[in-house]
Amino acid sequence: MAQTNLSVRIDSDLKEQFNAFCTEIGMSMSTAICIFAKKTVREKRIPFNVGMESDPFYSSANMARLMKSIEQMEASGGTVHEVMLDD
């Protein structure tokens, strides 16, 4: 199969972090990008969730909890309490 080049603009800090990760797991950045491209073509989709909904922080349940916490903080004048995770 013939090879070709792919040029991508990326933040320099992100490139350094990506390169360090790839090196740590024993592959080149080129190999990692090829894996991504092959999986994308094979599945005909981005092979992971993209967007705020993929981050549990932005889930409806967490947003409701945050709004409740904000209301409690505003009503109590900002008193700090320990986090209770089992409600």
PDB file of N, CA and C in Angstrom:
ATOM      1  N   MET A   1       0.834  -1.171   0.000  1.00  0.00           N
ATOM      2  CA  MET A   1       0.000   0.000   0.000  1.00  0.00           C
ATOM      3  C   MET A   1       0.886   1.243   0.000  1.00  0.00           C
ATOM      4  N   ALA A   2       0.600   2.195  -0.863  1.00  0.00           N
ATOM      5  CA  ALA A   2       1.395   3.422  -0.963  1.00  0.00           C
ATOM      6  C   ALA A   2       1.182   4.292   0.281  1.00  0.00           C
ATOM      7  N   GLN A   3       2.239   4.922   0.707  1.00  0.00           N
ATOM      8  CA  GLN A   3       2.194   5.809   1.866  1.00  0.00           C
ATOM      9  C   GLN A   3       2.062   7.262   1.408  1.00  0.00           C
ATOM     10  N   THR A   4       1.464   8.100   2.238  1.00  0.00           N
ATOM     11  CA  THR A   4       1.356   9.525   1.963  1.00  0.00           C
ATOM     12  C   THR A   4       1.501  10.283   3.272  1.00  0.00           C
ATOM     13  N   ASN A   5       1.702  11.575   3.196  1.00  0.00           N
ATOM     14  CA  ASN A   5       1.851  12.399   4.389  1.00  0.00           C
ATOM     15  C   ASN A   5       0.534  13.080   4.730  1.00  0.00           C
ATOM     16  N   LEU A   6       0.336  13.308   6.012  1.00  0.00           N
ATOM     17  CA  LEU A   6      -0.818  14.027   6.537  1.00  0.00           C
ATOM     18  C   LEU A   6      -0.276  15.138   7.415  1.00  0.00           C
ATOM     19  N   SER A   7      -0.630  16.360   7.111  1.00  0.00           N
ATOM     20  CA  SER A   7      -0.162  17.501   7.897  1.00  0.00           C
ATOM     21  C   SER A   7      -1.321  18.033   8.732  1.00  0.00           C
ATOM     22  N   VAL A   8      -1.095  18.180  10.043  1.00  0.00           N
ATOM     23  CA  VAL A   8      -2.142  18.603  10.967  1.00  0.00           C
ATOM     24  C   VAL A   8      -1.615  19.721  11.847  1.00  0.00           C
ATOM     25  N   ARG A   9      -2.411  20.758  12.034  1.00  0.00           N
ATOM     26  CA  ARG A   9      -2.043  21.823  12.970  1.00  0.00           C
ATOM     27  C   ARG A   9      -2.553  21.442  14.353  1.00  0.00           C
ATOM     28  N   ILE A  10      -1.668  21.562  15.354  1.00  0.00           N
ATOM     29  CA  ILE A  10      -2.016  21.192  16.718  1.00  0.00           C
ATOM     30  C   ILE A  10      -1.238  22.075  17.677  1.00  0.00           C
ATOM     31  N   ASP A  11      -1.808  22.369  18.813  1.00  0.00           N
ATOM     32  CA  ASP A  11      -1.135  23.159  19.844  1.00  0.00           C
ATOM     33  C   ASP A  11       0.183  22.484  20.230  1.00  0.00           C
ATOM     34  N   SER A  12       1.243  23.253  20.365  1.00  0.00           N
ATOM     35  CA  SER A  12       2.564  22.672  20.624  1.00  0.00           C
ATOM     36  C   SER A  12       2.617  21.917  21.948  1.00  0.00           C
ATOM     37  N   ASP A  13       1.949  22.422  22.981  1.00  0.00           N
ATOM     38  CA  ASP A  13       1.936  21.706  24.263  1.00  0.00           C
ATOM     39  C   ASP A  13       1.208  20.370  24.135  1.00  0.00           C
ATOM     40  N   LEU A  14       0.089  20.370  23.406  1.00  0.00           N
ATOM     41  CA  LEU A  14      -0.657  19.130  23.196  1.00  0.00           C
ATOM     42  C   LEU A  14       0.185  18.128  22.420  1.00  0.00           C
ATOM     43  N   LYS A  15       0.922  18.612  21.422  1.00  0.00           N
ATOM     44  CA  LYS A  15       1.798  17.729  20.643  1.00  0.00           C
ATOM     45  C   LYS A  15       2.845  17.080  21.538  1.00  0.00           C
ATOM     46  N   GLU A  16       3.440  17.867  22.409  1.00  0.00           N
ATOM     47  CA  GLU A  16       4.454  17.332  23.321  1.00  0.00           C
ATOM     48  C   GLU A  16       3.852  16.283  24.253  1.00  0.00           C
ATOM     49  N   GLN A  17       2.663  16.571  24.780  1.00  0.00           N
ATOM     50  CA  GLN A  17       2.000  15.626  25.675  1.00  0.00           C
ATOM     51  C   GLN A  17       1.624  14.345  24.933  1.00  0.00           C
ATOM     52  N   PHE A  18       1.118  14.493  23.713  1.00  0.00           N
ATOM     53  CA  PHE A  18       0.741  13.337  22.903  1.00  0.00           C
ATOM     54  C   PHE A  18       1.966  12.496  22.571  1.00  0.00           C
ATOM     55  N   ASN A  19       3.052  13.147  22.196  1.00  0.00           N
ATOM     56  CA  ASN A  19       4.297  12.439  21.888  1.00  0.00           C
ATOM     57  C   ASN A  19       4.804  11.688  23.112  1.00  0.00           C
ATOM     58  N   ALA A  20       4.764  12.340  24.284  1.00  0.00           N
ATOM     59  CA  ALA A  20       5.221  11.682  25.515  1.00  0.00           C
ATOM     60  C   ALA A  20       4.368  10.451  25.816  1.00  0.00           C
ATOM     61  N   PHE A  21       3.044  10.581  25.632  1.00  0.00           N
ATOM     62  CA  PHE A  21       2.152   9.444  25.861  1.00  0.00           C
ATOM     63  C   PHE A  21       2.477   8.302  24.903  1.00  0.00           C
ATOM     64  N   CYS A  22       2.590   8.629  23.621  1.00  0.00           N
ATOM     65  CA  CYS A  22       2.881   7.604  22.620  1.00  0.00           C
ATOM     66  C   CYS A  22       4.196   6.905  22.917  1.00  0.00           C
ATOM     67  N   THR A  23       5.203   7.662  23.282  1.00  0.00           N
ATOM     68  CA  THR A  23       6.508   7.093  23.624  1.00  0.00           C
ATOM     69  C   THR A  23       6.374   6.167  24.829  1.00  0.00           C
ATOM     70  N   GLU A  24       5.593   6.599  25.813  1.00  0.00           N
ATOM     71  CA  GLU A  24       5.406   5.809  27.030  1.00  0.00           C
ATOM     72  C   GLU A  24       4.765   4.453  26.735  1.00  0.00           C
ATOM     73  N   ILE A  25       3.858   4.403  25.764  1.00  0.00           N
ATOM     74  CA  ILE A  25       3.208   3.126  25.443  1.00  0.00           C
ATOM     75  C   ILE A  25       3.895   2.391  24.295  1.00  0.00           C
ATOM     76  N   GLY A  26       4.996   2.962  23.816  1.00  0.00           N
ATOM     77  CA  GLY A  26       5.820   2.268  22.834  1.00  0.00           C
ATOM     78  C   GLY A  26       5.362   2.375  21.396  1.00  0.00           C
ATOM     79  N   MET A  27       4.750   3.484  21.033  1.00  0.00           N
ATOM     80  CA  MET A  27       4.375   3.667  19.630  1.00  0.00           C
ATOM     81  C   MET A  27       4.648   5.102  19.213  1.00  0.00           C
ATOM     82  N   SER A  28       4.729   5.295  17.922  1.00  0.00           N
ATOM     83  CA  SER A  28       4.942   6.644  17.399  1.00  0.00           C
ATOM     84  C   SER A  28       3.603   7.373  17.295  1.00  0.00           C
ATOM     85  N   MET A  29       3.675   8.686  17.182  1.00  0.00           N
ATOM     86  CA  MET A  29       2.458   9.464  16.965  1.00  0.00           C
ATOM     87  C   MET A  29       1.822   9.063  15.643  1.00  0.00           C
ATOM     88  N   SER A  30       2.629   8.786  14.654  1.00  0.00           N
ATOM     89  CA  SER A  30       2.126   8.375  13.347  1.00  0.00           C
ATOM     90  C   SER A  30       1.307   7.085  13.453  1.00  0.00           C
ATOM     91  N   THR A  31       1.809   6.128  14.214  1.00  0.00           N
ATOM     92  CA  THR A  31       1.080   4.872  14.409  1.00  0.00           C
ATOM     93  C   THR A  31      -0.243   5.122  15.123  1.00  0.00           C
ATOM     94  N   ALA A  32      -0.238   5.976  16.148  1.00  0.00           N
ATOM     95  CA  ALA A  32      -1.460   6.286  16.893  1.00  0.00           C
ATOM     96  C   ALA A  32      -2.504   6.932  15.980  1.00  0.00           C
ATOM     97  N   ILE A  33      -2.072   7.862  15.125  1.00  0.00           N
ATOM     98  CA  ILE A  33      -2.994   8.520  14.188  1.00  0.00           C
ATOM     99  C   ILE A  33      -3.525   7.506  13.174  1.00  0.00           C
ATOM    100  N   CYS A  34      -2.673   6.600  12.708  1.00  0.00           N
ATOM    101  CA  CYS A  34      -3.123   5.561  11.774  1.00  0.00           C
ATOM    102  C   CYS A  34      -4.158   4.649  12.420  1.00  0.00           C
ATOM    103  N   ILE A  35      -3.948   4.283  13.682  1.00  0.00           N
ATOM    104  CA  ILE A  35      -4.927   3.460  14.394  1.00  0.00           C
ATOM    105  C   ILE A  35      -6.270   4.187  14.454  1.00  0.00           C
ATOM    106  N   PHE A  36      -6.224   5.484  14.802  1.00  0.00           N
ATOM    107  CA  PHE A  36      -7.446   6.291  14.852  1.00  0.00           C
ATOM    108  C   PHE A  36      -8.134   6.307  13.483  1.00  0.00           C
ATOM    109  N   ALA A  37      -7.385   6.560  12.420  1.00  0.00           N
ATOM    110  CA  ALA A  37      -7.951   6.652  11.072  1.00  0.00           C
ATOM    111  C   ALA A  37      -8.570   5.318  10.645  1.00  0.00           C
ATOM    112  N   LYS A  38      -7.867   4.215  10.888  1.00  0.00           N
ATOM    113  CA  LYS A  38      -8.388   2.897  10.495  1.00  0.00           C
ATOM    114  C   LYS A  38      -9.674   2.562  11.247  1.00  0.00           C
ATOM    115  N   LYS A  39      -9.700   2.835  12.537  1.00  0.00           N
ATOM    116  CA  LYS A  39     -10.894   2.541  13.337  1.00  0.00           C
ATOM    117  C   LYS A  39     -12.056   3.434  12.904  1.00  0.00           C
ATOM    118  N   THR A  40     -11.784   4.687  12.598  1.00  0.00           N
ATOM    119  CA  THR A  40     -12.820   5.607  12.132  1.00  0.00           C
ATOM    120  C   THR A  40     -13.432   5.124  10.824  1.00  0.00           C
ATOM    121  N   VAL A  41     -12.592   4.743   9.888  1.00  0.00           N
ATOM    122  CA  VAL A  41     -13.072   4.270   8.585  1.00  0.00           C
ATOM    123  C   VAL A  41     -13.837   2.957   8.747  1.00  0.00           C
ATOM    124  N   ARG A  42     -13.305   2.058   9.549  1.00  0.00           N
ATOM    125  CA  ARG A  42     -13.952   0.754   9.741  1.00  0.00           C
ATOM    126  C   ARG A  42     -15.338   0.898  10.386  1.00  0.00           C
ATOM    127  N   GLU A  43     -15.451   1.786  11.406  1.00  0.00           N
ATOM    128  CA  GLU A  43     -16.706   1.947  12.129  1.00  0.00           C
ATOM    129  C   GLU A  43     -17.617   3.025  11.528  1.00  0.00           C
ATOM    130  N   LYS A  44     -17.050   3.805  10.595  1.00  0.00           N
ATOM    131  CA  LYS A  44     -17.778   4.906   9.960  1.00  0.00           C
ATOM    132  C   LYS A  44     -18.318   5.898  10.995  1.00  0.00           C
ATOM    133  N   ARG A  45     -17.477   6.184  11.979  1.00  0.00           N
ATOM    134  CA  ARG A  45     -17.802   7.151  13.030  1.00  0.00           C
ATOM    135  C   ARG A  45     -16.527   7.485  13.795  1.00  0.00           C
ATOM    136  N   ILE A  46     -16.562   8.589  14.546  1.00  0.00           N
ATOM    137  CA  ILE A  46     -15.464   8.887  15.464  1.00  0.00           C
ATOM    138  C   ILE A  46     -15.525   7.810  16.556  1.00  0.00           C
ATOM    139  N   PRO A  47     -14.433   7.115  16.840  1.00  0.00           N
ATOM    140  CA  PRO A  47     -14.500   5.957  17.739  1.00  0.00           C
ATOM    141  C   PRO A  47     -14.547   6.293  19.236  1.00  0.00           C
ATOM    142  N   PHE A  48     -15.033   7.449  19.584  1.00  0.00           N
ATOM    143  CA  PHE A  48     -15.237   7.826  20.982  1.00  0.00           C
ATOM    144  C   PHE A  48     -16.237   8.972  21.010  1.00  0.00           C
ATOM    145  N   ASN A  49     -16.814   9.216  22.177  1.00  0.00           N
ATOM    146  CA  ASN A  49     -17.786  10.301  22.306  1.00  0.00           C
ATOM    147  C   ASN A  49     -17.090  11.644  22.218  1.00  0.00           C
ATOM    148  N   VAL A  50     -17.705  12.558  21.492  1.00  0.00           N
ATOM    149  CA  VAL A  50     -17.185  13.904  21.355  1.00  0.00           C
ATOM    150  C   VAL A  50     -18.276  14.859  21.826  1.00  0.00           C
ATOM    151  N   GLY A  51     -17.942  15.727  22.742  1.00  0.00           N
ATOM    152  CA  GLY A  51     -18.917  16.702  23.200  1.00  0.00           C
ATOM    153  C   GLY A  51     -19.068  16.689  24.704  1.00  0.00           C
ATOM    154  N   MET A  52     -19.799  17.684  25.170  1.00  0.00           N
ATOM    155  CA  MET A  52     -19.977  17.827  26.607  1.00  0.00           C
ATOM    156  C   MET A  52     -20.726  16.653  27.205  1.00  0.00           C
ATOM    157  N   GLU A  53     -21.639  16.045  26.445  1.00  0.00           N
ATOM    158  CA  GLU A  53     -22.414  14.944  27.000  1.00  0.00           C
ATOM    159  C   GLU A  53     -21.563  13.725  27.317  1.00  0.00           C
ATOM    160  N   SER A  54     -20.355  13.640  26.771  1.00  0.00           N
ATOM    161  CA  SER A  54     -19.485  12.507  27.085  1.00  0.00           C
ATOM    162  C   SER A  54     -18.754  12.703  28.411  1.00  0.00           C
ATOM    163  N   ASP A  55     -18.784  13.908  28.944  1.00  0.00           N
ATOM    164  CA  ASP A  55     -18.134  14.214  30.214  1.00  0.00           C
ATOM    165  C   ASP A  55     -19.183  14.144  31.322  1.00  0.00           C
ATOM    166  N   PRO A  56     -19.017  13.233  32.307  1.00  0.00           N
ATOM    167  CA  PRO A  56     -20.024  13.097  33.356  1.00  0.00           C
ATOM    168  C   PRO A  56     -20.264  14.390  34.138  1.00  0.00           C
ATOM    169  N   PHE A  57     -19.298  15.299  34.128  1.00  0.00           N
ATOM    170  CA  PHE A  57     -19.489  16.566  34.820  1.00  0.00           C
ATOM    171  C   PHE A  57     -20.700  17.302  34.267  1.00  0.00           C
ATOM    172  N   TYR A  58     -20.942  17.199  32.950  1.00  0.00           N
ATOM    173  CA  TYR A  58     -22.025  17.920  32.304  1.00  0.00           C
ATOM    174  C   TYR A  58     -23.330  17.127  32.238  1.00  0.00           C
ATOM    175  N   SER A  59     -23.406  15.995  32.911  1.00  0.00           N
ATOM    176  CA  SER A  59     -24.631  15.192  32.886  1.00  0.00           C
ATOM    177  C   SER A  59     -25.767  15.963  33.543  1.00  0.00           C
ATOM    178  N   SER A  60     -26.986  15.616  33.180  1.00  0.00           N
ATOM    179  CA  SER A  60     -28.167  16.278  33.748  1.00  0.00           C
ATOM    180  C   SER A  60     -28.194  16.125  35.264  1.00  0.00           C
ATOM    181  N   ALA A  61     -27.868  14.934  35.738  1.00  0.00           N
ATOM    182  CA  ALA A  61     -27.884  14.682  37.186  1.00  0.00           C
ATOM    183  C   ALA A  61     -26.871  15.567  37.909  1.00  0.00           C
ATOM    184  N   ASN A  62     -25.667  15.682  37.352  1.00  0.00           N
ATOM    185  CA  ASN A  62     -24.656  16.507  38.002  1.00  0.00           C
ATOM    186  C   ASN A  62     -25.002  17.987  37.920  1.00  0.00           C
ATOM    187  N   MET A  63     -25.552  18.425  36.791  1.00  0.00           N
ATOM    188  CA  MET A  63     -25.966  19.824  36.662  1.00  0.00           C
ATOM    189  C   MET A  63     -27.044  20.161  37.695  1.00  0.00           C
ATOM    190  N   ALA A  64     -27.996  19.243  37.896  1.00  0.00           N
ATOM    191  CA  ALA A  64     -29.044  19.461  38.899  1.00  0.00           C
ATOM    192  C   ALA A  64     -28.431  19.543  40.295  1.00  0.00           C
ATOM    193  N   ARG A  65     -27.488  18.660  40.563  1.00  0.00           N
ATOM    194  CA  ARG A  65     -26.812  18.674  41.868  1.00  0.00           C
ATOM    195  C   ARG A  65     -26.048  19.983  42.075  1.00  0.00           C
ATOM    196  N   LEU A  66     -25.360  20.448  41.053  1.00  0.00           N
ATOM    197  CA  LEU A  66     -24.618  21.705  41.156  1.00  0.00           C
ATOM    198  C   LEU A  66     -25.553  22.888  41.393  1.00  0.00           C
ATOM    199  N   MET A  67     -26.687  22.905  40.672  1.00  0.00           N
ATOM    200  CA  MET A  67     -27.650  24.001  40.855  1.00  0.00           C
ATOM    201  C   MET A  67     -28.200  23.993  42.277  1.00  0.00           C
ATOM    202  N   LYS A  68     -28.495  22.801  42.805  1.00  0.00           N
ATOM    203  CA  LYS A  68     -28.975  22.683  44.182  1.00  0.00           C
ATOM    204  C   LYS A  68     -27.911  23.184  45.159  1.00  0.00           C
ATOM    205  N   SER A  69     -26.668  22.825  44.915  1.00  0.00           N
ATOM    206  CA  SER A  69     -25.567  23.271  45.781  1.00  0.00           C
ATOM    207  C   SER A  69     -25.407  24.781  45.741  1.00  0.00           C
ATOM    208  N   ILE A  70     -25.540  25.352  44.539  1.00  0.00           N
ATOM    209  CA  ILE A  70     -25.437  26.812  44.404  1.00  0.00           C
ATOM    210  C   ILE A  70     -26.552  27.487  45.193  1.00  0.00           C
ATOM    211  N   GLU A  71     -27.784  26.972  45.063  1.00  0.00           N
ATOM    212  CA  GLU A  71     -28.914  27.530  45.801  1.00  0.00           C
ATOM    213  C   GLU A  71     -28.674  27.455  47.307  1.00  0.00           C
ATOM    214  N   GLN A  72     -28.155  26.314  47.778  1.00  0.00           N
ATOM    215  CA  GLN A  72     -27.869  26.146  49.202  1.00  0.00           C
ATOM    216  C   GLN A  72     -26.788  27.114  49.665  1.00  0.00           C
ATOM    217  N   MET A  73     -25.751  27.287  48.853  1.00  0.00           N
ATOM    218  CA  MET A  73     -24.666  28.204  49.210  1.00  0.00           C
ATOM    219  C   MET A  73     -25.186  29.640  49.287  1.00  0.00           C
ATOM    220  N   GLU A  74     -25.998  30.024  48.314  1.00  0.00           N
ATOM    221  CA  GLU A  74     -26.539  31.380  48.313  1.00  0.00           C
ATOM    222  C   GLU A  74     -27.482  31.604  49.490  1.00  0.00           C
ATOM    223  N   ALA A  75     -28.293  30.610  49.815  1.00  0.00           N
ATOM    224  CA  ALA A  75     -29.254  30.731  50.913  1.00  0.00           C
ATOM    225  C   ALA A  75     -28.559  30.747  52.272  1.00  0.00           C
ATOM    226  N   SER A  76     -27.438  30.035  52.398  1.00  0.00           N
ATOM    227  CA  SER A  76     -26.764  29.937  53.698  1.00  0.00           C
ATOM    228  C   SER A  76     -25.650  30.959  53.862  1.00  0.00           C
ATOM    229  N   GLY A  77     -25.416  31.759  52.857  1.00  0.00           N
ATOM    230  CA  GLY A  77     -24.343  32.749  52.949  1.00  0.00           C
ATOM    231  C   GLY A  77     -22.981  32.164  52.642  1.00  0.00           C
ATOM    232  N   GLY A  78     -22.939  30.993  52.057  1.00  0.00           N
ATOM    233  CA  GLY A  78     -21.662  30.428  51.622  1.00  0.00           C
ATOM    234  C   GLY A  78     -20.987  29.541  52.636  1.00  0.00           C
ATOM    235  N   THR A  79     -21.723  28.965  53.576  1.00  0.00           N
ATOM    236  CA  THR A  79     -21.140  28.061  54.552  1.00  0.00           C
ATOM    237  C   THR A  79     -20.608  26.818  53.852  1.00  0.00           C
ATOM    238  N   VAL A  80     -19.399  26.414  54.206  1.00  0.00           N
ATOM    239  CA  VAL A  80     -18.778  25.247  53.585  1.00  0.00           C
ATOM    240  C   VAL A  80     -19.133  24.003  54.391  1.00  0.00           C
ATOM    241  N   HIS A  81     -19.555  22.946  53.707  1.00  0.00           N
ATOM    242  CA  HIS A  81     -19.873  21.674  54.331  1.00  0.00           C
ATOM    243  C   HIS A  81     -19.089  20.591  53.605  1.00  0.00           C
ATOM    244  N   GLU A  82     -18.932  19.466  54.279  1.00  0.00           N
ATOM    245  CA  GLU A  82     -18.263  18.338  53.640  1.00  0.00           C
ATOM    246  C   GLU A  82     -19.145  17.792  52.528  1.00  0.00           C
ATOM    247  N   VAL A  83     -18.517  17.223  51.504  1.00  0.00           N
ATOM    248  CA  VAL A  83     -19.241  16.649  50.375  1.00  0.00           C
ATOM    249  C   VAL A  83     -19.878  15.341  50.808  1.00  0.00           C
ATOM    250  N   MET A  84     -21.163  15.196  50.489  1.00  0.00           N
ATOM    251  CA  MET A  84     -21.892  13.959  50.759  1.00  0.00           C
ATOM    252  C   MET A  84     -22.279  13.372  49.399  1.00  0.00           C
ATOM    253  N   LEU A  85     -21.737  12.219  49.070  1.00  0.00           N
ATOM    254  CA  LEU A  85     -21.925  11.652  47.745  1.00  0.00           C
ATOM    255  C   LEU A  85     -23.048  10.630  47.647  1.00  0.00           C
ATOM    256  N   ASP A  86     -23.686  10.293  48.757  1.00  0.00           N
ATOM    257  CA  ASP A  86     -24.700   9.241  48.685  1.00  0.00           C
ATOM    258  C   ASP A  86     -26.127   9.774  48.807  1.00  0.00           C
ATOM    259  N   ASP A  87     -26.431  10.826  48.054  1.00  0.00           N
ATOM    260  CA  ASP A  87     -27.816  11.307  48.060  1.00  0.00           C
ATOM    261  C   ASP A  87     -28.486  11.061  46.747  1.00  0.00           C
TER     262      ASP A  87
END
